[in-house]
Amino acid sequence: MWDFDTEFHEDHWRQLFIPLNSVYTESGFRTRYTYILFKRDVTSDFSIRNIRIGYRGEAIKPEYQYMSGTSMAAPIVSGMASLIKGKKPDLTAEGVKQVIIDTADPLPSLQDKTITGARANLSAALKSLKDTDEIPLYPGWNHVSIPRRLNPGYDTAQIFAGVNSSGHSVLVYVNNTTGYRTLSMNDPVVPLQGYWIYSTNTITVPVRFTDQIIPFSREIPVGWSSIGGWMETDLSAKETFHTLTAWSYATGYDAIVQQYEEPIIRGGTGNQSDERPIRPYHGYWLYCSQNGTYQVGFG
């Protein structure tokens, strides 16, 4: 732990070693952090600058490694349980346990070696507690997509059944040769694909994502493709399409004003920069000069 005097000078910081079974009672103890503003160092005493855990005068390094045994597993599972309970306070102890078990990743290497034969997955556990996600629709045509796989039973065009489309079909663009195809209610709705749907009013379409982590990709042909992103938050076009070495343009559709957005250009600058985000649940027209594989994940 670090402390400093009232002068706020960098060279006045001193390192404190505080045993875990003791209490630091210095009344003047405060923490601070440094940030940059207009190329000048500015300091403030309202936030934590750094806290490190040490043992017998030696700071524990931030690196991690794999270890086995219940002594290693217990604190990790306890931490998972705390985060789950914090997100869903009404869960009982048995309920927390069940969430961890239900969202674990089965591993062949653990079969017949542990009760579950699976590896705990905190990300999946927390996502399973999340309220249903929604695709926003606005009056007129909407170019939409989903960032992840949907739960079985909730993964077809039936999810759009509650939309008043004024008789318009849900459309999917196949390729430059085939053009558009009408989606039937039993056709699957999959990630990385863009869908066109008409709505007479502003509405949201609930979607339920699967907790299973299953890699997926899509083959992209030469020419224009209707696609979607693979993150539940904004991600730059450069990062989103990093596996496509021949993409040139990506153009979104603003359903609120019913017009196309300014295109994103690979290597572009300003308003056309490829640092602009690909937004979740939005569809985009993507142009590629060569065939390629659109792969989920960071490079």
C-alpha atoms as a PDB file:
ATOM      1  CA  MET A   1       0.000   0.000   0.000  1.00  0.00           C
ATOM      2  CA  TRP A   2       1.211   3.509  -0.706  1.00  0.00           C
ATOM      3  CA  ASP A   3       0.864   6.707   1.325  1.00  0.00           C
ATOM      4  CA  PHE A   4       1.968  10.284   0.774  1.00  0.00           C
ATOM      5  CA  ASP A   5       2.347  13.530   2.667  1.00  0.00           C
ATOM      6  CA  THR A   6       0.280  16.680   2.300  1.00  0.00           C
ATOM      7  CA  GLU A   7       2.686  18.239  -0.201  1.00  0.00           C
ATOM      8  CA  PHE A   8       1.537  15.891  -2.994  1.00  0.00           C
ATOM      9  CA  HIS A   9       5.079  15.568  -4.352  1.00  0.00           C
ATOM     10  CA  GLU A  10       5.871  12.381  -6.240  1.00  0.00           C
ATOM     11  CA  ASP A  11       9.147  11.865  -4.360  1.00  0.00           C
ATOM     12  CA  HIS A  12       7.332  12.004  -1.015  1.00  0.00           C
ATOM     13  CA  TRP A  13       5.476   8.743  -1.621  1.00  0.00           C
ATOM     14  CA  ARG A  14       6.529   5.938   0.676  1.00  0.00           C
ATOM     15  CA  GLN A  15       5.777   2.243   0.655  1.00  0.00           C
ATOM     16  CA  LEU A  16       3.877   0.758   3.592  1.00  0.00           C
ATOM     17  CA  PHE A  17       3.828  -2.908   4.530  1.00  0.00           C
ATOM     18  CA  ILE A  18       0.764  -3.697   6.622  1.00  0.00           C
ATOM     19  CA  PRO A  19       0.400  -7.240   8.058  1.00  0.00           C
ATOM     20  CA  LEU A  20      -2.931  -8.857   7.208  1.00  0.00           C
ATOM     21  CA  ASN A  21      -3.774  -9.341  10.886  1.00  0.00           C
ATOM     22  CA  SER A  22      -3.222  -5.689  11.785  1.00  0.00           C
ATOM     23  CA  VAL A  23      -4.953  -2.363  11.247  1.00  0.00           C
ATOM     24  CA  TYR A  24      -3.378   0.755   9.750  1.00  0.00           C
ATOM     25  CA  THR A  25      -4.502   3.545  12.072  1.00  0.00           C
ATOM     26  CA  GLU A  26      -2.693   6.544  10.602  1.00  0.00           C
ATOM     27  CA  SER A  27      -5.369   9.247  10.626  1.00  0.00           C
ATOM     28  CA  GLY A  28      -3.823  11.161   7.747  1.00  0.00           C
ATOM     29  CA  PHE A  29      -3.872   8.194   5.386  1.00  0.00           C
ATOM     30  CA  ARG A  30      -5.159   9.046   1.937  1.00  0.00           C
ATOM     31  CA  THR A  31      -4.709   7.753  -1.579  1.00  0.00           C
ATOM     32  CA  ARG A  32      -4.297   9.539  -4.855  1.00  0.00           C
ATOM     33  CA  TYR A  33      -3.994   8.998  -8.546  1.00  0.00           C
ATOM     34  CA  THR A  34      -2.205  10.754 -11.378  1.00  0.00           C
ATOM     35  CA  TYR A  35      -3.663  11.646 -14.753  1.00  0.00           C
ATOM     36  CA  ILE A  36      -2.580  13.736 -17.724  1.00  0.00           C
ATOM     37  CA  LEU A  37      -4.329  16.952 -18.735  1.00  0.00           C
ATOM     38  CA  PHE A  38      -3.014  19.146 -21.552  1.00  0.00           C
ATOM     39  CA  LYS A  39       0.426  17.514 -21.347  1.00  0.00           C
ATOM     40  CA  ARG A  40       0.828  18.362 -17.657  1.00  0.00           C
ATOM     41  CA  ASP A  41       0.725  16.011 -14.699  1.00  0.00           C
ATOM     42  CA  VAL A  42      -2.231  16.773 -12.473  1.00  0.00           C
ATOM     43  CA  THR A  43      -2.767  15.025  -9.150  1.00  0.00           C
ATOM     44  CA  SER A  44      -5.832  14.569  -7.007  1.00  0.00           C
ATOM     45  CA  ASP A  45      -6.397  12.908  -3.640  1.00  0.00           C
ATOM     46  CA  PHE A  46      -9.799  11.398  -4.350  1.00  0.00           C
ATOM     47  CA  SER A  47      -8.926   7.991  -5.774  1.00  0.00           C
ATOM     48  CA  ILE A  48      -6.720   4.955  -5.267  1.00  0.00           C
ATOM     49  CA  ARG A  49      -3.364   5.102  -6.973  1.00  0.00           C
ATOM     50  CA  ASN A  50      -2.098   1.633  -6.275  1.00  0.00           C
ATOM     51  CA  ILE A  51      -2.687  -1.199  -3.821  1.00  0.00           C
ATOM     52  CA  ARG A  52      -0.473  -4.266  -3.820  1.00  0.00           C
ATOM     53  CA  ILE A  53      -0.514  -7.348  -1.655  1.00  0.00           C
ATOM     54  CA  GLY A  54       2.799  -8.317  -0.116  1.00  0.00           C
ATOM     55  CA  TYR A  55       4.273 -11.085   2.016  1.00  0.00           C
ATOM     56  CA  ARG A  56       7.188 -10.516   4.426  1.00  0.00           C
ATOM     57  CA  GLY A  57       8.297  -7.367   2.684  1.00  0.00           C
ATOM     58  CA  GLU A  58       8.040  -8.801  -0.836  1.00  0.00           C
ATOM     59  CA  ALA A  59       5.322  -7.511  -3.190  1.00  0.00           C
ATOM     60  CA  ILE A  60       3.343 -10.256  -4.887  1.00  0.00           C
ATOM     61  CA  LYS A  61       3.718  -9.895  -8.630  1.00  0.00           C
ATOM     62  CA  PRO A  62       0.622  -9.549 -10.837  1.00  0.00           C
ATOM     63  CA  GLU A  63       1.504 -12.538 -13.037  1.00  0.00           C
ATOM     64  CA  TYR A  64      -0.681 -15.629 -12.796  1.00  0.00           C
ATOM     65  CA  GLN A  65      -0.163 -19.331 -13.350  1.00  0.00           C
ATOM     66  CA  TYR A  66      -2.166 -22.532 -13.416  1.00  0.00           C
ATOM     67  CA  MET A  67      -2.383 -24.543 -10.196  1.00  0.00           C
ATOM     68  CA  SER A  68      -4.484 -27.478  -9.097  1.00  0.00           C
ATOM     69  CA  GLY A  69      -6.085 -28.605  -5.872  1.00  0.00           C
ATOM     70  CA  THR A  70      -8.986 -27.535  -3.692  1.00  0.00           C
ATOM     71  CA  SER A  71      -6.867 -24.866  -2.013  1.00  0.00           C
ATOM     72  CA  MET A  72      -6.640 -23.084  -5.361  1.00  0.00           C
ATOM     73  CA  ALA A  73     -10.217 -23.794  -6.472  1.00  0.00           C
ATOM     74  CA  ALA A  74     -12.002 -22.743  -3.276  1.00  0.00           C
ATOM     75  CA  PRO A  75     -11.197 -18.999  -3.409  1.00  0.00           C
ATOM     76  CA  ILE A  76     -12.028 -18.824  -7.107  1.00  0.00           C
ATOM     77  CA  VAL A  77     -15.417 -20.497  -6.674  1.00  0.00           C
ATOM     78  CA  SER A  78     -16.064 -18.367  -3.588  1.00  0.00           C
ATOM     79  CA  GLY A  79     -15.350 -15.262  -5.639  1.00  0.00           C
ATOM     80  CA  MET A  80     -17.694 -16.485  -8.373  1.00  0.00           C
ATOM     81  CA  ALA A  81     -20.417 -17.097  -5.808  1.00  0.00           C
ATOM     82  CA  SER A  82     -19.977 -13.575  -4.421  1.00  0.00           C
ATOM     83  CA  LEU A  83     -20.302 -11.969  -7.849  1.00  0.00           C
ATOM     84  CA  ILE A  84     -23.362 -14.068  -8.702  1.00  0.00           C
ATOM     85  CA  LYS A  85     -24.994 -13.261  -5.371  1.00  0.00           C
ATOM     86  CA  GLY A  86     -24.186  -9.589  -5.873  1.00  0.00           C
ATOM     87  CA  LYS A  87     -25.945  -9.584  -9.230  1.00  0.00           C
ATOM     88  CA  LYS A  88     -28.937 -11.637  -8.031  1.00  0.00           C
ATOM     89  CA  PRO A  89     -29.270 -10.994  -4.256  1.00  0.00           C
ATOM     90  CA  ASP A  90     -32.448 -13.063  -3.996  1.00  0.00           C
ATOM     91  CA  LEU A  91     -30.663 -16.301  -4.973  1.00  0.00           C
ATOM     92  CA  THR A  92     -30.289 -18.906  -2.239  1.00  0.00           C
ATOM     93  CA  ALA A  93     -26.991 -20.697  -1.627  1.00  0.00           C
ATOM     94  CA  GLU A  94     -28.361 -23.686  -3.536  1.00  0.00           C
ATOM     95  CA  GLY A  95     -29.431 -21.383  -6.356  1.00  0.00           C
ATOM     96  CA  VAL A  96     -25.957 -19.862  -6.623  1.00  0.00           C
ATOM     97  CA  LYS A  97     -24.442 -23.334  -6.723  1.00  0.00           C
ATOM     98  CA  GLN A  98     -26.843 -24.402  -9.470  1.00  0.00           C
ATOM     99  CA  VAL A  99     -25.977 -21.386 -11.620  1.00  0.00           C
ATOM    100  CA  ILE A 100     -22.279 -22.290 -11.430  1.00  0.00           C
ATOM    101  CA  ILE A 101     -22.987 -25.921 -12.322  1.00  0.00           C
ATOM    102  CA  ASP A 102     -25.454 -25.175 -15.131  1.00  0.00           C
ATOM    103  CA  THR A 103     -23.107 -22.764 -16.915  1.00  0.00           C
ATOM    104  CA  ALA A 104     -19.891 -24.788 -16.603  1.00  0.00           C
ATOM    105  CA  ASP A 105     -18.056 -25.853 -19.774  1.00  0.00           C
ATOM    106  CA  PRO A 106     -17.906 -29.669 -20.200  1.00  0.00           C
ATOM    107  CA  LEU A 107     -14.341 -30.853 -20.794  1.00  0.00           C
ATOM    108  CA  PRO A 108     -13.420 -34.382 -21.942  1.00  0.00           C
ATOM    109  CA  SER A 109     -10.280 -34.185 -19.800  1.00  0.00           C
ATOM    110  CA  LEU A 110     -12.435 -33.817 -16.667  1.00  0.00           C
ATOM    111  CA  GLN A 111     -14.937 -36.567 -17.398  1.00  0.00           C
ATOM    112  CA  ASP A 112     -15.092 -39.153 -14.592  1.00  0.00           C
ATOM    113  CA  LYS A 113     -12.559 -37.079 -12.638  1.00  0.00           C
ATOM    114  CA  THR A 114     -14.895 -34.494 -11.118  1.00  0.00           C
ATOM    115  CA  ILE A 115     -18.590 -34.542 -10.237  1.00  0.00           C
ATOM    116  CA  THR A 116     -19.557 -32.218 -13.068  1.00  0.00           C
ATOM    117  CA  GLY A 117     -16.813 -33.072 -15.556  1.00  0.00           C
ATOM    118  CA  ALA A 118     -16.770 -29.387 -16.407  1.00  0.00           C
ATOM    119  CA  ARG A 119     -14.849 -26.146 -15.898  1.00  0.00           C
ATOM    120  CA  ALA A 120     -16.501 -23.221 -14.107  1.00  0.00           C
ATOM    121  CA  ASN A 121     -17.269 -20.287 -16.406  1.00  0.00           C
ATOM    122  CA  LEU A 122     -17.882 -16.980 -14.618  1.00  0.00           C
ATOM    123  CA  SER A 123     -18.707 -15.081 -17.798  1.00  0.00           C
ATOM    124  CA  ALA A 124     -21.406 -17.580 -18.758  1.00  0.00           C
ATOM    125  CA  ALA A 125     -22.738 -17.647 -15.187  1.00  0.00           C
ATOM    126  CA  LEU A 126     -23.195 -13.871 -15.052  1.00  0.00           C
ATOM    127  CA  LYS A 127     -24.693 -13.732 -18.541  1.00  0.00           C
ATOM    128  CA  SER A 128     -27.251 -16.369 -17.563  1.00  0.00           C
ATOM    129  CA  LEU A 129     -28.567 -13.961 -14.917  1.00  0.00           C
ATOM    130  CA  LYS A 130     -28.966 -11.134 -17.380  1.00  0.00           C
ATOM    131  CA  ASP A 131     -32.434 -10.046 -18.379  1.00  0.00           C
ATOM    132  CA  THR A 132     -33.403 -10.803 -21.966  1.00  0.00           C
ATOM    133  CA  ASP A 133     -31.618  -8.740 -24.591  1.00  0.00           C
ATOM    134  CA  GLU A 134     -33.614  -6.862 -27.195  1.00  0.00           C
ATOM    135  CA  ILE A 135     -33.319  -5.892 -30.849  1.00  0.00           C
ATOM    136  CA  PRO A 136     -34.665  -2.347 -31.286  1.00  0.00           C
ATOM    137  CA  LEU A 137     -36.944  -1.722 -34.286  1.00  0.00           C
ATOM    138  CA  TYR A 138     -38.233   1.590 -35.632  1.00  0.00           C
ATOM    139  CA  PRO A 139     -41.041   2.507 -38.048  1.00  0.00           C
ATOM    140  CA  GLY A 140     -40.026   1.481 -41.567  1.00  0.00           C
ATOM    141  CA  TRP A 141     -37.263  -0.860 -42.652  1.00  0.00           C
ATOM    142  CA  ASN A 142     -34.649  -2.076 -40.166  1.00  0.00           C
ATOM    143  CA  HIS A 143     -31.325  -3.777 -40.946  1.00  0.00           C
ATOM    144  CA  VAL A 144     -30.614  -5.913 -37.877  1.00  0.00           C
ATOM    145  CA  SER A 145     -28.415  -8.744 -36.620  1.00  0.00           C
ATOM    146  CA  ILE A 146     -27.604 -10.749 -33.489  1.00  0.00           C
ATOM    147  CA  PRO A 147     -24.103 -10.837 -31.946  1.00  0.00           C
ATOM    148  CA  ARG A 148     -24.262 -14.370 -30.503  1.00  0.00           C
ATOM    149  CA  ARG A 149     -26.015 -17.693 -30.956  1.00  0.00           C
ATOM    150  CA  LEU A 150     -29.571 -17.908 -29.676  1.00  0.00           C
ATOM    151  CA  ASN A 151     -30.971 -20.539 -27.336  1.00  0.00           C
ATOM    152  CA  PRO A 152     -32.448 -23.612 -29.058  1.00  0.00           C
ATOM    153  CA  GLY A 153     -36.184 -23.111 -29.385  1.00  0.00           C
ATOM    154  CA  TYR A 154     -35.723 -19.342 -29.612  1.00  0.00           C
ATOM    155  CA  ASP A 155     -33.377 -19.289 -32.593  1.00  0.00           C
ATOM    156  CA  THR A 156     -35.693 -18.983 -35.598  1.00  0.00           C
ATOM    157  CA  ALA A 157     -37.482 -16.135 -37.376  1.00  0.00           C
ATOM    158  CA  GLN A 158     -40.361 -16.843 -34.999  1.00  0.00           C
ATOM    159  CA  ILE A 159     -38.734 -14.253 -32.716  1.00  0.00           C
ATOM    160  CA  PHE A 160     -40.142 -11.613 -35.097  1.00  0.00           C
ATOM    161  CA  ALA A 161     -43.709 -12.954 -34.877  1.00  0.00           C
ATOM    162  CA  GLY A 162     -44.837 -10.087 -32.632  1.00  0.00           C
ATOM    163  CA  VAL A 163     -43.733  -7.397 -35.090  1.00  0.00           C
ATOM    164  CA  ASN A 164     -46.456  -5.668 -37.125  1.00  0.00           C
ATOM    165  CA  SER A 165     -44.734  -5.743 -40.508  1.00  0.00           C
ATOM    166  CA  SER A 166     -47.753  -4.543 -42.509  1.00  0.00           C
ATOM    167  CA  GLY A 167     -47.493  -7.648 -44.672  1.00  0.00           C
ATOM    168  CA  HIS A 168     -43.775  -7.332 -45.455  1.00  0.00           C
ATOM    169  CA  SER A 169     -41.610 -10.445 -45.211  1.00  0.00           C
ATOM    170  CA  VAL A 170     -38.358 -10.751 -43.276  1.00  0.00           C
ATOM    171  CA  LEU A 171     -35.591 -10.693 -45.886  1.00  0.00           C
ATOM    172  CA  VAL A 172     -32.064 -12.043 -45.933  1.00  0.00           C
ATOM    173  CA  TYR A 173     -29.534 -11.165 -48.640  1.00  0.00           C
ATOM    174  CA  VAL A 174     -27.850 -14.327 -49.927  1.00  0.00           C
ATOM    175  CA  ASN A 175     -25.270 -13.123 -52.478  1.00  0.00           C
ATOM    176  CA  ASN A 176     -24.832 -11.018 -55.619  1.00  0.00           C
ATOM    177  CA  THR A 177     -26.311 -13.751 -57.809  1.00  0.00           C
ATOM    178  CA  THR A 178     -29.312 -14.869 -55.741  1.00  0.00           C
ATOM    179  CA  GLY A 179     -30.166 -11.535 -54.175  1.00  0.00           C
ATOM    180  CA  TYR A 180     -32.776 -11.516 -51.401  1.00  0.00           C
ATOM    181  CA  ARG A 181     -34.581 -14.514 -49.969  1.00  0.00           C
ATOM    182  CA  THR A 182     -37.751 -14.473 -47.870  1.00  0.00           C
ATOM    183  CA  LEU A 183     -37.272 -15.928 -44.402  1.00  0.00           C
ATOM    184  CA  SER A 184     -39.877 -18.417 -43.203  1.00  0.00           C
ATOM    185  CA  MET A 185     -40.809 -18.579 -39.528  1.00  0.00           C
ATOM    186  CA  ASN A 186     -38.866 -21.841 -39.086  1.00  0.00           C
ATOM    187  CA  ASP A 187     -35.659 -20.584 -40.680  1.00  0.00           C
ATOM    188  CA  PRO A 188     -32.783 -20.098 -38.213  1.00  0.00           C
ATOM    189  CA  VAL A 189     -31.586 -16.647 -37.170  1.00  0.00           C
ATOM    190  CA  VAL A 190     -27.800 -16.799 -36.878  1.00  0.00           C
ATOM    191  CA  PRO A 191     -24.940 -14.459 -35.906  1.00  0.00           C
ATOM    192  CA  LEU A 192     -22.868 -12.545 -38.485  1.00  0.00           C
ATOM    193  CA  GLN A 193     -25.886 -12.330 -40.820  1.00  0.00           C
ATOM    194  CA  GLY A 194     -27.917  -9.197 -41.494  1.00  0.00           C
ATOM    195  CA  TYR A 195     -31.736  -9.297 -41.688  1.00  0.00           C
ATOM    196  CA  TRP A 196     -34.168  -6.773 -43.129  1.00  0.00           C
ATOM    197  CA  ILE A 197     -37.470  -6.409 -41.282  1.00  0.00           C
ATOM    198  CA  TYR A 198     -40.264  -3.860 -41.606  1.00  0.00           C
ATOM    199  CA  SER A 199     -42.113  -2.486 -38.590  1.00  0.00           C
ATOM    200  CA  THR A 200     -45.074  -0.117 -38.410  1.00  0.00           C
ATOM    201  CA  ASN A 201     -44.065   1.146 -34.977  1.00  0.00           C
ATOM    202  CA  THR A 202     -41.199   1.386 -32.493  1.00  0.00           C
ATOM    203  CA  ILE A 203     -40.822  -1.966 -30.753  1.00  0.00           C
ATOM    204  CA  THR A 204     -38.178  -4.258 -29.271  1.00  0.00           C
ATOM    205  CA  VAL A 205     -37.714  -7.939 -30.089  1.00  0.00           C
ATOM    206  CA  PRO A 206     -36.566 -10.015 -27.078  1.00  0.00           C
ATOM    207  CA  VAL A 207     -33.758 -12.497 -27.757  1.00  0.00           C
ATOM    208  CA  ARG A 208     -32.279 -15.220 -25.573  1.00  0.00           C
ATOM    209  CA  PHE A 209     -28.635 -16.086 -26.028  1.00  0.00           C
ATOM    210  CA  THR A 210     -27.155 -19.489 -25.336  1.00  0.00           C
ATOM    211  CA  ASP A 211     -24.579 -19.728 -22.533  1.00  0.00           C
ATOM    212  CA  GLN A 212     -22.506 -22.258 -24.442  1.00  0.00           C
ATOM    213  CA  ILE A 213     -19.312 -20.877 -25.925  1.00  0.00           C
ATOM    214  CA  ILE A 214     -19.329 -22.206 -29.492  1.00  0.00           C
ATOM    215  CA  PRO A 215     -16.944 -20.673 -32.054  1.00  0.00           C
ATOM    216  CA  PHE A 216     -18.630 -19.635 -35.270  1.00  0.00           C
ATOM    217  CA  SER A 217     -17.655 -18.092 -38.575  1.00  0.00           C
ATOM    218  CA  ARG A 218     -19.118 -17.265 -41.965  1.00  0.00           C
ATOM    219  CA  GLU A 219     -17.722 -17.492 -45.466  1.00  0.00           C
ATOM    220  CA  ILE A 220     -17.943 -14.114 -47.198  1.00  0.00           C
ATOM    221  CA  PRO A 221     -17.963 -14.061 -51.029  1.00  0.00           C
ATOM    222  CA  VAL A 222     -16.638 -11.398 -53.372  1.00  0.00           C
ATOM    223  CA  GLY A 223     -19.000  -8.435 -53.577  1.00  0.00           C
ATOM    224  CA  TRP A 224     -21.602  -7.157 -51.149  1.00  0.00           C
ATOM    225  CA  SER A 225     -22.793  -9.111 -48.110  1.00  0.00           C
ATOM    226  CA  SER A 226     -25.369  -8.326 -45.434  1.00  0.00           C
ATOM    227  CA  ILE A 227     -23.593  -8.870 -42.117  1.00  0.00           C
ATOM    228  CA  GLY A 228     -23.690  -8.140 -38.401  1.00  0.00           C
ATOM    229  CA  GLY A 229     -21.099  -7.703 -35.664  1.00  0.00           C
ATOM    230  CA  TRP A 230     -20.159 -10.269 -33.014  1.00  0.00           C
ATOM    231  CA  MET A 231     -19.866  -8.142 -29.863  1.00  0.00           C
ATOM    232  CA  GLU A 232     -22.611  -7.025 -27.464  1.00  0.00           C
ATOM    233  CA  THR A 233     -20.891  -3.646 -27.258  1.00  0.00           C
ATOM    234  CA  ASP A 234     -19.484  -1.284 -29.873  1.00  0.00           C
ATOM    235  CA  LEU A 235     -16.282  -2.509 -31.547  1.00  0.00           C
ATOM    236  CA  SER A 236     -14.311  -0.742 -34.260  1.00  0.00           C
ATOM    237  CA  ALA A 237     -14.720  -1.957 -37.832  1.00  0.00           C
ATOM    238  CA  LYS A 238     -10.971  -2.599 -37.968  1.00  0.00           C
ATOM    239  CA  GLU A 239     -11.202  -5.061 -35.071  1.00  0.00           C
ATOM    240  CA  THR A 240     -14.546  -6.541 -36.106  1.00  0.00           C
ATOM    241  CA  PHE A 241     -13.390  -7.505 -39.610  1.00  0.00           C
ATOM    242  CA  HIS A 242      -9.762  -8.301 -38.772  1.00  0.00           C
ATOM    243  CA  THR A 243      -9.993 -11.793 -40.318  1.00  0.00           C
ATOM    244  CA  LEU A 244     -11.213 -10.381 -43.649  1.00  0.00           C
ATOM    245  CA  THR A 245      -8.109  -9.125 -45.424  1.00  0.00           C
ATOM    246  CA  ALA A 246     -10.001  -7.841 -48.480  1.00  0.00           C
ATOM    247  CA  TRP A 247     -12.899  -5.862 -47.042  1.00  0.00           C
ATOM    248  CA  SER A 248     -13.214  -2.324 -48.370  1.00  0.00           C
ATOM    249  CA  TYR A 249     -16.477  -0.720 -47.225  1.00  0.00           C
ATOM    250  CA  ALA A 250     -19.043  -1.194 -44.459  1.00  0.00           C
ATOM    251  CA  THR A 251     -22.274   0.800 -44.545  1.00  0.00           C
ATOM    252  CA  GLY A 252     -24.888   0.839 -41.811  1.00  0.00           C
ATOM    253  CA  TYR A 253     -28.543   1.824 -42.050  1.00  0.00           C
ATOM    254  CA  ASP A 254     -30.086   4.352 -39.670  1.00  0.00           C
ATOM    255  CA  ALA A 255     -33.594   3.023 -39.110  1.00  0.00           C
ATOM    256  CA  ILE A 256     -34.625   6.085 -37.111  1.00  0.00           C
ATOM    257  CA  VAL A 257     -34.240   8.427 -40.087  1.00  0.00           C
ATOM    258  CA  GLN A 258     -34.603   5.658 -42.725  1.00  0.00           C
ATOM    259  CA  GLN A 259     -31.389   6.350 -44.584  1.00  0.00           C
ATOM    260  CA  TYR A 260     -27.906   4.911 -45.016  1.00  0.00           C
ATOM    261  CA  GLU A 261     -25.066   6.132 -42.851  1.00  0.00           C
ATOM    262  CA  GLU A 262     -21.785   7.446 -44.195  1.00  0.00           C
ATOM    263  CA  PRO A 263     -19.676   4.434 -45.202  1.00  0.00           C
ATOM    264  CA  ILE A 264     -16.769   3.125 -43.169  1.00  0.00           C
ATOM    265  CA  ILE A 265     -13.694   2.687 -45.349  1.00  0.00           C
ATOM    266  CA  ARG A 266     -10.856   0.351 -44.532  1.00  0.00           C
ATOM    267  CA  GLY A 267      -7.888   2.570 -43.707  1.00  0.00           C
ATOM    268  CA  GLY A 268     -10.134   5.623 -43.997  1.00  0.00           C
ATOM    269  CA  THR A 269      -9.896   8.802 -41.975  1.00  0.00           C
ATOM    270  CA  GLY A 270     -12.279  11.265 -40.380  1.00  0.00           C
ATOM    271  CA  ASN A 271     -15.945  10.298 -40.607  1.00  0.00           C
ATOM    272  CA  GLN A 272     -15.020   7.332 -42.808  1.00  0.00           C
ATOM    273  CA  SER A 273     -12.359   5.947 -40.458  1.00  0.00           C
ATOM    274  CA  ASP A 274     -12.344   2.222 -39.735  1.00  0.00           C
ATOM    275  CA  GLU A 275     -12.078   3.151 -36.060  1.00  0.00           C
ATOM    276  CA  ARG A 276     -15.805   3.872 -36.215  1.00  0.00           C
ATOM    277  CA  PRO A 277     -17.807   1.248 -34.346  1.00  0.00           C
ATOM    278  CA  ILE A 278     -19.784  -1.697 -35.592  1.00  0.00           C
ATOM    279  CA  ARG A 279     -22.785  -1.620 -33.266  1.00  0.00           C
ATOM    280  CA  PRO A 280     -24.536  -4.659 -31.792  1.00  0.00           C
ATOM    281  CA  TYR A 281     -27.918  -5.627 -33.271  1.00  0.00           C
ATOM    282  CA  HIS A 282     -27.289  -3.494 -36.363  1.00  0.00           C
ATOM    283  CA  GLY A 283     -26.880  -4.849 -39.880  1.00  0.00           C
ATOM    284  CA  TYR A 284     -24.250  -3.612 -42.348  1.00  0.00           C
ATOM    285  CA  TRP A 285     -23.492  -3.886 -46.026  1.00  0.00           C
ATOM    286  CA  LEU A 286     -19.918  -5.133 -46.349  1.00  0.00           C
ATOM    287  CA  TYR A 287     -17.950  -5.125 -49.600  1.00  0.00           C
ATOM    288  CA  CYS A 288     -15.038  -7.535 -50.120  1.00  0.00           C
ATOM    289  CA  SER A 289     -12.807  -7.774 -53.192  1.00  0.00           C
ATOM    290  CA  GLN A 290     -11.892 -11.402 -52.409  1.00  0.00           C
ATOM    291  CA  ASN A 291     -13.507 -14.370 -50.702  1.00  0.00           C
ATOM    292  CA  GLY A 292     -12.742 -14.598 -47.007  1.00  0.00           C
ATOM    293  CA  THR A 293     -13.696 -16.109 -43.658  1.00  0.00           C
ATOM    294  CA  TYR A 294     -15.446 -13.816 -41.205  1.00  0.00           C
ATOM    295  CA  GLN A 295     -14.313 -15.215 -37.854  1.00  0.00           C
ATOM    296  CA  VAL A 296     -15.489 -14.311 -34.374  1.00  0.00           C
ATOM    297  CA  GLY A 297     -12.774 -13.308 -31.911  1.00  0.00           C
ATOM    298  CA  PHE A 298      -9.818 -10.989 -31.559  1.00  0.00           C
ATOM    299  CA  GLY A 299      -6.659 -11.540 -33.545  1.00  0.00           C
END
